[in-house]
PDB file of N, CA and C in Angstrom:
ATOM      1  N   UNK A   1       0.336 -15.733 -15.145  1.00  0.00           N
ATOM      2  CA  UNK A   1      -1.166 -13.998 -14.379  1.00  0.00           C
ATOM      3  C   UNK A   1       0.097 -13.626 -13.908  1.00  0.00           C
ATOM      4  N   UNK A   2      -0.026 -12.228 -14.306  1.00  0.00           N
ATOM      5  CA  UNK A   2       1.604 -11.089 -13.349  1.00  0.00           C
ATOM      6  C   UNK A   2       0.850 -11.084 -11.741  1.00  0.00           C
ATOM      7  N   UNK A   3       2.612 -10.609 -11.403  1.00  0.00           N
ATOM      8  CA  UNK A   3       2.008 -10.507 -10.130  1.00  0.00           C
ATOM      9  C   UNK A   3       2.139  -8.965 -10.093  1.00  0.00           C
ATOM     10  N   UNK A   4       2.893  -8.122  -8.761  1.00  0.00           N
ATOM     11  CA  UNK A   4       2.958  -7.533  -9.052  1.00  0.00           C
ATOM     12  C   UNK A   4       3.521  -7.017  -7.209  1.00  0.00           C
ATOM     13  N   UNK A   5       4.946  -6.383  -8.204  1.00  0.00           N
ATOM     14  CA  UNK A   5       5.347  -6.476  -5.941  1.00  0.00           C
ATOM     15  C   UNK A   5       5.624  -5.121  -5.552  1.00  0.00           C
ATOM     16  N   UNK A   6       4.967  -4.117  -4.749  1.00  0.00           N
ATOM     17  CA  UNK A   6       5.409  -3.722  -3.893  1.00  0.00           C
ATOM     18  C   UNK A   6       5.058  -3.532  -2.689  1.00  0.00           C
ATOM     19  N   UNK A   7       5.592  -1.926  -2.040  1.00  0.00           N
ATOM     20  CA  UNK A   7       5.890  -1.769  -0.550  1.00  0.00           C
ATOM     21  C   UNK A   7       4.673  -1.080  -0.338  1.00  0.00           C
ATOM     22  N   UNK A   8       3.695  -1.812   0.785  1.00  0.00           N
ATOM     23  CA  UNK A   8       3.083  -0.664   1.296  1.00  0.00           C
ATOM     24  C   UNK A   8       2.968   0.461   2.104  1.00  0.00           C
ATOM     25  N   UNK A   9       2.235   1.208   2.078  1.00  0.00           N
ATOM     26  CA  UNK A   9       2.073   2.708   2.395  1.00  0.00           C
ATOM     27  C   UNK A   9       2.078   2.367   4.193  1.00  0.00           C
ATOM     28  N   UNK A  10       1.899   3.306   4.983  1.00  0.00           N
ATOM     29  CA  UNK A  10       0.958   2.910   6.011  1.00  0.00           C
ATOM     30  C   UNK A  10      -0.056   3.394   5.801  1.00  0.00           C
ATOM     31  N   UNK A  11      -1.225   3.273   6.999  1.00  0.00           N
ATOM     32  CA  UNK A  11      -2.340   3.460   6.950  1.00  0.00           C
ATOM     33  C   UNK A  11      -3.141   4.582   7.703  1.00  0.00           C
ATOM     34  N   UNK A  12      -3.392   5.119   7.158  1.00  0.00           N
ATOM     35  CA  UNK A  12      -4.274   5.957   8.623  1.00  0.00           C
ATOM     36  C   UNK A  12      -4.192   6.252   9.704  1.00  0.00           C
ATOM     37  N   UNK A  13      -4.368   5.332   9.809  1.00  0.00           N
ATOM     38  CA  UNK A  13      -4.332   4.883  11.941  1.00  0.00           C
ATOM     39  C   UNK A  13      -3.832   5.220  12.226  1.00  0.00           C
ATOM     40  N   UNK A  14      -2.033   4.947  11.195  1.00  0.00           N
ATOM     41  CA  UNK A  14      -0.637   5.298  12.000  1.00  0.00           C
ATOM     42  C   UNK A  14      -0.785   6.235  11.485  1.00  0.00           C
ATOM     43  N   UNK A  15       0.533   7.289  13.142  1.00  0.00           N
ATOM     44  CA  UNK A  15       0.895   8.442  12.555  1.00  0.00           C
ATOM     45  C   UNK A  15       3.093   8.573  11.920  1.00  0.00           C
ATOM     46  N   UNK A  16       2.668   6.732  12.879  1.00  0.00           N
ATOM     47  CA  UNK A  16       4.781   6.507  12.815  1.00  0.00           C
ATOM     48  C   UNK A  16       5.138   5.980  11.376  1.00  0.00           C
ATOM     49  N   UNK A  17       6.400   5.281  11.443  1.00  0.00           N
ATOM     50  CA  UNK A  17       6.416   4.082  10.435  1.00  0.00           C
ATOM     51  C   UNK A  17       6.298   2.906  10.483  1.00  0.00           C
ATOM     52  N   UNK A  18       5.842   2.100  12.036  1.00  0.00           N
ATOM     53  CA  UNK A  18       5.575   1.041  12.248  1.00  0.00           C
ATOM     54  C   UNK A  18       5.860   0.590  11.350  1.00  0.00           C
ATOM     55  N   UNK A  19       5.634  -1.059  11.273  1.00  0.00           N
ATOM     56  CA  UNK A  19       5.247  -2.122  10.523  1.00  0.00           C
ATOM     57  C   UNK A  19       5.376  -0.978   8.449  1.00  0.00           C
ATOM     58  N   UNK A  20       5.857  -1.010   7.917  1.00  0.00           N
ATOM     59  CA  UNK A  20       6.302  -0.274   6.631  1.00  0.00           C
ATOM     60  C   UNK A  20       8.213  -0.545   6.808  1.00  0.00           C
ATOM     61  N   UNK A  21       8.301  -0.328   5.680  1.00  0.00           N
ATOM     62  CA  UNK A  21       9.819  -1.303   4.748  1.00  0.00           C
ATOM     63  C   UNK A  21       9.567  -2.712   4.090  1.00  0.00           C
ATOM     64  N   UNK A  22       8.445  -2.619   4.036  1.00  0.00           N
ATOM     65  CA  UNK A  22       8.311  -4.123   3.771  1.00  0.00           C
ATOM     66  C   UNK A  22       8.373  -4.321   2.419  1.00  0.00           C
ATOM     67  N   UNK A  23       8.285  -5.385   1.599  1.00  0.00           N
ATOM     68  CA  UNK A  23       8.052  -5.515   0.466  1.00  0.00           C
ATOM     69  C   UNK A  23       6.635  -7.007   0.044  1.00  0.00           C
ATOM     70  N   UNK A  24       5.390  -6.756  -1.099  1.00  0.00           N
ATOM     71  CA  UNK A  24       4.684  -7.404  -0.734  1.00  0.00           C
ATOM     72  C   UNK A  24       4.368  -8.125  -2.405  1.00  0.00           C
ATOM     73  N   UNK A  25       4.664  -9.340  -2.548  1.00  0.00           N
ATOM     74  CA  UNK A  25       4.702 -10.133  -3.941  1.00  0.00           C
ATOM     75  C   UNK A  25       2.227  -9.992  -4.251  1.00  0.00           C
ATOM     76  N   UNK A  26       1.865 -10.014  -4.417  1.00  0.00           N
ATOM     77  CA  UNK A  26       0.335 -10.162  -4.977  1.00  0.00           C
ATOM     78  C   UNK A  26      -0.001 -10.116  -5.851  1.00  0.00           C
ATOM     79  N   UNK A  27      -0.796 -11.413  -6.383  1.00  0.00           N
ATOM     80  CA  UNK A  27      -1.563 -11.918  -7.285  1.00  0.00           C
ATOM     81  C   UNK A  27      -2.342 -11.091  -8.808  1.00  0.00           C
ATOM     82  N   UNK A  28      -2.404 -10.626  -9.292  1.00  0.00           N
ATOM     83  CA  UNK A  28      -3.243 -10.212  -9.224  1.00  0.00           C
ATOM     84  C   UNK A  28      -4.605 -10.760 -10.464  1.00  0.00           C
ATOM     85  N   UNK A  29      -5.872 -10.317 -10.139  1.00  0.00           N
ATOM     86  CA  UNK A  29      -6.629 -11.714 -10.090  1.00  0.00           C
ATOM     87  C   UNK A  29      -7.088 -11.706 -11.944  1.00  0.00           C
ATOM     88  N   UNK A  30      -7.251 -13.175 -11.815  1.00  0.00           N
ATOM     89  CA  UNK A  30      -7.554 -13.475 -13.829  1.00  0.00           C
ATOM     90  C   UNK A  30      -9.042 -13.343 -14.003  1.00  0.00           C
ATOM     91  N   UNK A  31      -9.869 -13.328 -13.197  1.00  0.00           N
ATOM     92  CA  UNK A  31     -11.769 -13.100 -12.919  1.00  0.00           C
ATOM     93  C   UNK A  31     -11.847 -11.611 -11.857  1.00  0.00           C
ATOM     94  N   UNK A  32     -13.291 -11.528 -12.574  1.00  0.00           N
ATOM     95  CA  UNK A  32     -13.674 -10.115 -11.141  1.00  0.00           C
ATOM     96  C   UNK A  32     -14.788 -10.570 -11.078  1.00  0.00           C
ATOM     97  N   UNK A  33     -14.237 -10.077  -9.429  1.00  0.00           N
ATOM     98  CA  UNK A  33     -15.796 -10.262  -8.960  1.00  0.00           C
ATOM     99  C   UNK A  33     -17.013 -10.002  -8.512  1.00  0.00           C
ATOM    100  N   UNK A  34     -17.434 -11.396  -8.047  1.00  0.00           N
ATOM    101  CA  UNK A  34     -19.879 -11.193  -7.995  1.00  0.00           C
ATOM    102  C   UNK A  34     -20.025 -11.055  -7.368  1.00  0.00           C
ATOM    103  N   UNK A  35     -20.503 -10.540  -7.256  1.00  0.00           N
ATOM    104  CA  UNK A  35     -21.725  -9.942  -5.927  1.00  0.00           C
ATOM    105  C   UNK A  35     -22.614 -11.178  -6.200  1.00  0.00           C
ATOM    106  N   UNK A  36     -23.090 -11.760  -5.164  1.00  0.00           N
ATOM    107  CA  UNK A  36     -24.059 -13.550  -4.244  1.00  0.00           C
ATOM    108  C   UNK A  36     -25.150 -11.885  -3.934  1.00  0.00           C
ATOM    109  N   UNK A  37     -26.219 -12.774  -4.895  1.00  0.00           N
ATOM    110  CA  UNK A  37     -27.761 -11.896  -5.452  1.00  0.00           C
ATOM    111  C   UNK A  37     -28.010 -11.339  -4.084  1.00  0.00           C
ATOM    112  N   UNK A  38     -28.077 -12.432  -3.108  1.00  0.00           N
ATOM    113  CA  UNK A  38     -28.789 -12.880  -1.904  1.00  0.00           C
ATOM    114  C   UNK A  38     -28.413 -11.748  -0.785  1.00  0.00           C
ATOM    115  N   UNK A  39     -26.754 -12.619  -0.603  1.00  0.00           N
ATOM    116  CA  UNK A  39     -26.346 -11.760   1.108  1.00  0.00           C
ATOM    117  C   UNK A  39     -25.464  -9.964   1.050  1.00  0.00           C
ATOM    118  N   UNK A  40     -25.166 -10.432  -0.437  1.00  0.00           N
ATOM    119  CA  UNK A  40     -24.898  -9.070  -0.735  1.00  0.00           C
ATOM    120  C   UNK A  40     -23.480  -8.915  -1.043  1.00  0.00           C
ATOM    121  N   UNK A  41     -22.716 -10.506  -0.908  1.00  0.00           N
ATOM    122  CA  UNK A  41     -21.200 -10.359  -0.102  1.00  0.00           C
ATOM    123  C   UNK A  41     -19.662 -10.686  -1.568  1.00  0.00           C
ATOM    124  N   UNK A  42     -18.942 -10.036  -1.727  1.00  0.00           N
ATOM    125  CA  UNK A  42     -18.298 -10.142  -2.987  1.00  0.00           C
ATOM    126  C   UNK A  42     -17.860 -11.679  -2.963  1.00  0.00           C
ATOM    127  N   UNK A  43     -17.089 -12.239  -3.775  1.00  0.00           N
ATOM    128  CA  UNK A  43     -16.642 -13.493  -4.539  1.00  0.00           C
ATOM    129  C   UNK A  43     -16.210 -13.566  -5.056  1.00  0.00           C
ATOM    130  N   UNK A  44     -14.924 -14.588  -4.907  1.00  0.00           N
ATOM    131  CA  UNK A  44     -14.442 -14.539  -5.870  1.00  0.00           C
ATOM    132  C   UNK A  44     -13.105 -16.265  -6.721  1.00  0.00           C
ATOM    133  N   UNK A  45     -13.552 -16.351  -7.905  1.00  0.00           N
ATOM    134  CA  UNK A  45     -13.176 -18.167  -7.840  1.00  0.00           C
ATOM    135  C   UNK A  45     -11.743 -17.816  -8.031  1.00  0.00           C
ATOM    136  N   UNK A  46     -11.061 -16.911  -7.658  1.00  0.00           N
ATOM    137  CA  UNK A  46      -9.412 -17.119  -8.622  1.00  0.00           C
ATOM    138  C   UNK A  46      -8.593 -16.848  -6.977  1.00  0.00           C
ATOM    139  N   UNK A  47      -8.259 -18.579  -6.690  1.00  0.00           N
ATOM    140  CA  UNK A  47      -8.062 -18.608  -5.260  1.00  0.00           C
ATOM    141  C   UNK A  47      -6.514 -18.129  -5.856  1.00  0.00           C
ATOM    142  N   UNK A  48      -5.655 -17.790  -7.186  1.00  0.00           N
ATOM    143  CA  UNK A  48      -4.477 -16.370  -6.544  1.00  0.00           C
ATOM    144  C   UNK A  48      -4.515 -15.407  -6.004  1.00  0.00           C
ATOM    145  N   UNK A  49      -5.648 -15.912  -5.616  1.00  0.00           N
ATOM    146  CA  UNK A  49      -6.092 -12.982  -5.278  1.00  0.00           C
ATOM    147  C   UNK A  49      -6.084 -13.946  -3.543  1.00  0.00           C
ATOM    148  N   UNK A  50      -5.746 -14.900  -2.905  1.00  0.00           N
ATOM    149  CA  UNK A  50      -5.797 -14.941  -1.111  1.00  0.00           C
ATOM    150  C   UNK A  50      -4.592 -15.026  -1.228  1.00  0.00           C
ATOM    151  N   UNK A  51      -3.155 -15.204  -1.704  1.00  0.00           N
ATOM    152  CA  UNK A  51      -1.965 -15.415  -2.130  1.00  0.00           C
ATOM    153  C   UNK A  51      -1.329 -14.419  -1.645  1.00  0.00           C
ATOM    154  N   UNK A  52      -1.162 -13.913  -0.947  1.00  0.00           N
ATOM    155  CA  UNK A  52       0.614 -12.283  -0.386  1.00  0.00           C
ATOM    156  C   UNK A  52       2.083 -12.841   0.295  1.00  0.00           C
ATOM    157  N   UNK A  53       1.903 -12.550  -0.507  1.00  0.00           N
ATOM    158  CA  UNK A  53       3.641 -13.014   0.416  1.00  0.00           C
ATOM    159  C   UNK A  53       4.507 -11.520   0.439  1.00  0.00           C
ATOM    160  N   UNK A  54       4.982 -11.944   1.416  1.00  0.00           N
ATOM    161  CA  UNK A  54       5.796 -10.572   2.163  1.00  0.00           C
ATOM    162  C   UNK A  54       7.567 -10.514   1.947  1.00  0.00           C
ATOM    163  N   UNK A  55       8.251 -10.396   1.805  1.00  0.00           N
ATOM    164  CA  UNK A  55       9.466 -10.059   2.290  1.00  0.00           C
ATOM    165  C   UNK A  55      10.306  -8.899   2.031  1.00  0.00           C
ATOM    166  N   UNK A  56      11.866  -9.338   2.915  1.00  0.00           N
ATOM    167  CA  UNK A  56      12.638  -8.009   3.899  1.00  0.00           C
ATOM    168  C   UNK A  56      12.872  -6.929   2.428  1.00  0.00           C
ATOM    169  N   UNK A  57      12.821  -7.290   1.608  1.00  0.00           N
ATOM    170  CA  UNK A  57      13.806  -6.306   0.610  1.00  0.00           C
ATOM    171  C   UNK A  57      13.022  -6.742  -1.068  1.00  0.00           C
ATOM    172  N   UNK A  58      12.831  -6.137  -1.716  1.00  0.00           N
ATOM    173  CA  UNK A  58      12.787  -5.966  -3.275  1.00  0.00           C
ATOM    174  C   UNK A  58      13.099  -6.473  -3.675  1.00  0.00           C
ATOM    175  N   UNK A  59      14.738  -6.704  -3.811  1.00  0.00           N
ATOM    176  CA  UNK A  59      15.480  -8.016  -4.008  1.00  0.00           C
ATOM    177  C   UNK A  59      15.031  -9.183  -4.111  1.00  0.00           C
ATOM    178  N   UNK A  60      14.544  -9.811  -2.609  1.00  0.00           N
ATOM    179  CA  UNK A  60      14.269 -11.327  -2.561  1.00  0.00           C
ATOM    180  C   UNK A  60      12.721 -11.013  -2.891  1.00  0.00           C
ATOM    181  N   UNK A  61      11.835 -10.466  -3.123  1.00  0.00           N
ATOM    182  CA  UNK A  61      10.757 -10.342  -4.136  1.00  0.00           C
ATOM    183  C   UNK A  61      11.092 -10.805  -5.337  1.00  0.00           C
ATOM    184  N   UNK A  62      11.935  -9.980  -6.085  1.00  0.00           N
ATOM    185  CA  UNK A  62      11.743  -9.952  -7.347  1.00  0.00           C
ATOM    186  C   UNK A  62      13.170 -11.556  -7.629  1.00  0.00           C
ATOM    187  N   UNK A  63      13.687 -11.533  -7.255  1.00  0.00           N
ATOM    188  CA  UNK A  63      14.207 -13.397  -7.019  1.00  0.00           C
ATOM    189  C   UNK A  63      13.005 -14.492  -6.182  1.00  0.00           C
ATOM    190  N   UNK A  64      12.549 -13.934  -5.552  1.00  0.00           N
ATOM    191  CA  UNK A  64      11.324 -15.608  -5.858  1.00  0.00           C
ATOM    192  C   UNK A  64      10.682 -15.588  -6.729  1.00  0.00           C
ATOM    193  N   UNK A  65       9.645 -13.884  -6.975  1.00  0.00           N
ATOM    194  CA  UNK A  65       9.865 -14.367  -8.407  1.00  0.00           C
ATOM    195  C   UNK A  65      10.068 -14.807  -9.783  1.00  0.00           C
ATOM    196  N   UNK A  66      11.722 -14.489 -10.079  1.00  0.00           N
ATOM    197  CA  UNK A  66      12.026 -15.016 -10.908  1.00  0.00           C
ATOM    198  C   UNK A  66      12.294 -16.535 -11.540  1.00  0.00           C
ATOM    199  N   UNK A  67      12.798 -16.585 -10.252  1.00  0.00           N
ATOM    200  CA  UNK A  67      13.116 -18.241  -9.317  1.00  0.00           C
ATOM    201  C   UNK A  67      11.831 -19.512  -9.706  1.00  0.00           C
ATOM    202  N   UNK A  68      10.747 -18.740  -9.601  1.00  0.00           N
ATOM    203  CA  UNK A  68       9.379 -19.785  -9.817  1.00  0.00           C
ATOM    204  C   UNK A  68       8.808 -19.404 -10.733  1.00  0.00           C
ATOM    205  N   UNK A  69       9.204 -18.025 -12.354  1.00  0.00           N
ATOM    206  CA  UNK A  69       8.716 -18.307 -12.873  1.00  0.00           C
ATOM    207  C   UNK A  69       7.785 -17.323 -13.100  1.00  0.00           C
ATOM    208  N   UNK A  70       7.582 -16.092 -12.341  1.00  0.00           N
ATOM    209  CA  UNK A  70       6.180 -15.259 -12.532  1.00  0.00           C
ATOM    210  C   UNK A  70       6.469 -14.265 -12.495  1.00  0.00           C
ATOM    211  N   UNK A  71       5.770 -13.933 -13.679  1.00  0.00           N
ATOM    212  CA  UNK A  71       5.714 -12.945 -14.783  1.00  0.00           C
ATOM    213  C   UNK A  71       5.760 -11.357 -13.530  1.00  0.00           C
ATOM    214  N   UNK A  72       6.225 -11.058 -13.235  1.00  0.00           N
ATOM    215  CA  UNK A  72       6.046  -9.873 -12.441  1.00  0.00           C
ATOM    216  C   UNK A  72       5.796  -7.771 -12.892  1.00  0.00           C
ATOM    217  N   UNK A  73       5.599  -6.970 -12.756  1.00  0.00           N
ATOM    218  CA  UNK A  73       5.500  -5.503 -12.558  1.00  0.00           C
ATOM    219  C   UNK A  73       6.333  -5.363 -11.041  1.00  0.00           C
ATOM    220  N   UNK A  74       7.124  -4.312 -10.628  1.00  0.00           N
ATOM    221  CA  UNK A  74       8.003  -3.735  -9.696  1.00  0.00           C
ATOM    222  C   UNK A  74       7.010  -2.307  -9.663  1.00  0.00           C
ATOM    223  N   UNK A  75       6.291  -2.367  -8.626  1.00  0.00           N
ATOM    224  CA  UNK A  75       5.886  -0.361  -8.594  1.00  0.00           C
ATOM    225  C   UNK A  75       6.357   0.690  -7.006  1.00  0.00           C
ATOM    226  N   UNK A  76       7.104   0.950  -7.921  1.00  0.00           N
ATOM    227  CA  UNK A  76       8.196   1.818  -6.896  1.00  0.00           C
ATOM    228  C   UNK A  76       7.887   2.992  -5.986  1.00  0.00           C
ATOM    229  N   UNK A  77       7.831   2.700  -4.438  1.00  0.00           N
ATOM    230  CA  UNK A  77       7.177   3.866  -3.762  1.00  0.00           C
ATOM    231  C   UNK A  77       7.542   4.866  -4.109  1.00  0.00           C
ATOM    232  N   UNK A  78       6.577   6.144  -3.166  1.00  0.00           N
ATOM    233  CA  UNK A  78       6.220   6.524  -2.974  1.00  0.00           C
ATOM    234  C   UNK A  78       7.534   8.128  -1.250  1.00  0.00           C
ATOM    235  N   UNK A  79       8.062   8.418  -1.869  1.00  0.00           N
ATOM    236  CA  UNK A  79       8.297   9.337  -0.754  1.00  0.00           C
ATOM    237  C   UNK A  79       7.462  10.236  -0.377  1.00  0.00           C
ATOM    238  N   UNK A  80       6.494  10.528   1.087  1.00  0.00           N
ATOM    239  CA  UNK A  80       6.310  11.190   1.492  1.00  0.00           C
ATOM    240  C   UNK A  80       6.331  12.629   1.351  1.00  0.00           C
ATOM    241  N   UNK A  81       6.116  13.832   1.182  1.00  0.00           N
ATOM    242  CA  UNK A  81       6.055  14.815   1.331  1.00  0.00           C
ATOM    243  C   UNK A  81       6.393  15.230   2.596  1.00  0.00           C
ATOM    244  N   UNK A  82       6.414  16.062   3.534  1.00  0.00           N
ATOM    245  CA  UNK A  82       5.768  16.346   4.262  1.00  0.00           C
ATOM    246  C   UNK A  82       6.410  17.987   4.581  1.00  0.00           C
ATOM    247  N   UNK A  83       5.623  19.114   5.788  1.00  0.00           N
ATOM    248  CA  UNK A  83       6.052  20.117   5.765  1.00  0.00           C
ATOM    249  C   UNK A  83       6.491  20.692   6.678  1.00  0.00           C
ATOM    250  N   UNK A  84       8.365  21.040   6.461  1.00  0.00           N
ATOM    251  CA  UNK A  84       8.043  21.644   8.408  1.00  0.00           C
ATOM    252  C   UNK A  84       7.379  23.210   8.678  1.00  0.00           C
ATOM    253  N   UNK A  85       6.896  22.826   9.721  1.00  0.00           N
ATOM    254  CA  UNK A  85       6.237  24.228  10.294  1.00  0.00           C
ATOM    255  C   UNK A  85       6.213  23.335  11.498  1.00  0.00           C
ATOM    256  N   UNK A  86       6.229  24.803  12.075  1.00  0.00           N
ATOM    257  CA  UNK A  86       7.118  24.889  13.752  1.00  0.00           C
ATOM    258  C   UNK A  86       4.976  24.944  14.804  1.00  0.00           C
ATOM    259  N   UNK A  87       5.645  24.351  16.117  1.00  0.00           N
ATOM    260  CA  UNK A  87       3.798  25.204  16.713  1.00  0.00           C
ATOM    261  C   UNK A  87       3.437  26.696  16.911  1.00  0.00           C
ATOM    262  N   UNK A  88       4.602  27.343  16.911  1.00  0.00           N
ATOM    263  CA  UNK A  88       4.521  28.824  17.329  1.00  0.00           C
ATOM    264  C   UNK A  88       3.376  29.155  16.271  1.00  0.00           C
ATOM    265  N   UNK A  89       3.858  28.481  14.863  1.00  0.00           N
ATOM    266  CA  UNK A  89       3.310  28.925  14.013  1.00  0.00           C
ATOM    267  C   UNK A  89       1.857  29.312  13.957  1.00  0.00           C
ATOM    268  N   UNK A  90       1.266  29.192  14.568  1.00  0.00           N
ATOM    269  CA  UNK A  90      -0.002  28.672  14.809  1.00  0.00           C
ATOM    270  C   UNK A  90      -0.597  29.821  15.561  1.00  0.00           C
ATOM    271  N   UNK A  91       0.653  31.072  16.268  1.00  0.00           N
ATOM    272  CA  UNK A  91       0.232  32.138  17.421  1.00  0.00           C
ATOM    273  C   UNK A  91       1.103  33.556  16.429  1.00  0.00           C
ATOM    274  N   UNK A  92       1.867  33.359  15.105  1.00  0.00           N
ATOM    275  CA  UNK A  92       2.176  34.274  14.439  1.00  0.00           C
ATOM    276  C   UNK A  92       0.587  35.603  14.534  1.00  0.00           C
ATOM    277  N   UNK A  93       1.259  36.840  14.939  1.00  0.00           N
ATOM    278  CA  UNK A  93       0.522  37.535  15.163  1.00  0.00           C
ATOM    279  C   UNK A  93       0.168  38.181  12.905  1.00  0.00           C
ATOM    280  N   UNK A  94       0.485  37.645  12.632  1.00  0.00           N
ATOM    281  CA  UNK A  94       1.391  38.035  11.279  1.00  0.00           C
ATOM    282  C   UNK A  94       0.742  37.039   9.887  1.00  0.00           C
ATOM    283  N   UNK A  95      -0.786  36.010  10.413  1.00  0.00           N
ATOM    284  CA  UNK A  95      -1.427  35.310  10.044  1.00  0.00           C
ATOM    285  C   UNK A  95      -1.755  35.258   9.157  1.00  0.00           C
ATOM    286  N   UNK A  96      -2.484  34.501   7.759  1.00  0.00           N
ATOM    287  CA  UNK A  96      -3.060  34.959   6.619  1.00  0.00           C
ATOM    288  C   UNK A  96      -4.352  34.577   7.235  1.00  0.00           C
ATOM    289  N   UNK A  97      -4.696  34.557   7.859  1.00  0.00           N
ATOM    290  CA  UNK A  97      -5.905  34.149   8.832  1.00  0.00           C
ATOM    291  C   UNK A  97      -6.567  34.145   9.643  1.00  0.00           C
ATOM    292  N   UNK A  98      -7.080  35.311  10.778  1.00  0.00           N
ATOM    293  CA  UNK A  98      -6.577  35.045  11.730  1.00  0.00           C
ATOM    294  C   UNK A  98      -6.986  34.044  12.733  1.00  0.00           C
ATOM    295  N   UNK A  99      -7.033  33.336  13.449  1.00  0.00           N
ATOM    296  CA  UNK A  99      -7.061  32.916  14.996  1.00  0.00           C
ATOM    297  C   UNK A  99      -8.438  32.749  15.533  1.00  0.00           C
ATOM    298  N   UNK A 100      -9.381  32.375  15.252  1.00  0.00           N
ATOM    299  CA  UNK A 100     -10.382  32.407  16.754  1.00  0.00           C
ATOM    300  C   UNK A 100     -10.798  31.397  16.919  1.00  0.00           C
ATOM    301  N   UNK A 101     -11.533  31.260  18.123  1.00  0.00           N
ATOM    302  CA  UNK A 101     -12.420  29.804  18.503  1.00  0.00           C
ATOM    303  C   UNK A 101     -13.901  29.612  17.844  1.00  0.00           C
TER     304      UNK A 101
END
């Protein structure tokens, strides 16, 4: 079963970069999830889907996978594209969209 090595992005509830920058080795599911007809819970018989290993660097995660003979693929993280804009831009007199309440 192949594993995926990736660096998770920040959550939508984060404004900063705290608790990011680490790498995760996570197994891909072997069997699809099932929905329990009575309660509606989603479950799976795949125990490896619960394993999620955390590493400090990408190289540590790759070395672990190679040492234990785990097939893996690495997903490189995407850099966030930030637009530099100042607070004063909100009050420019030549705005394309006029500022109203």
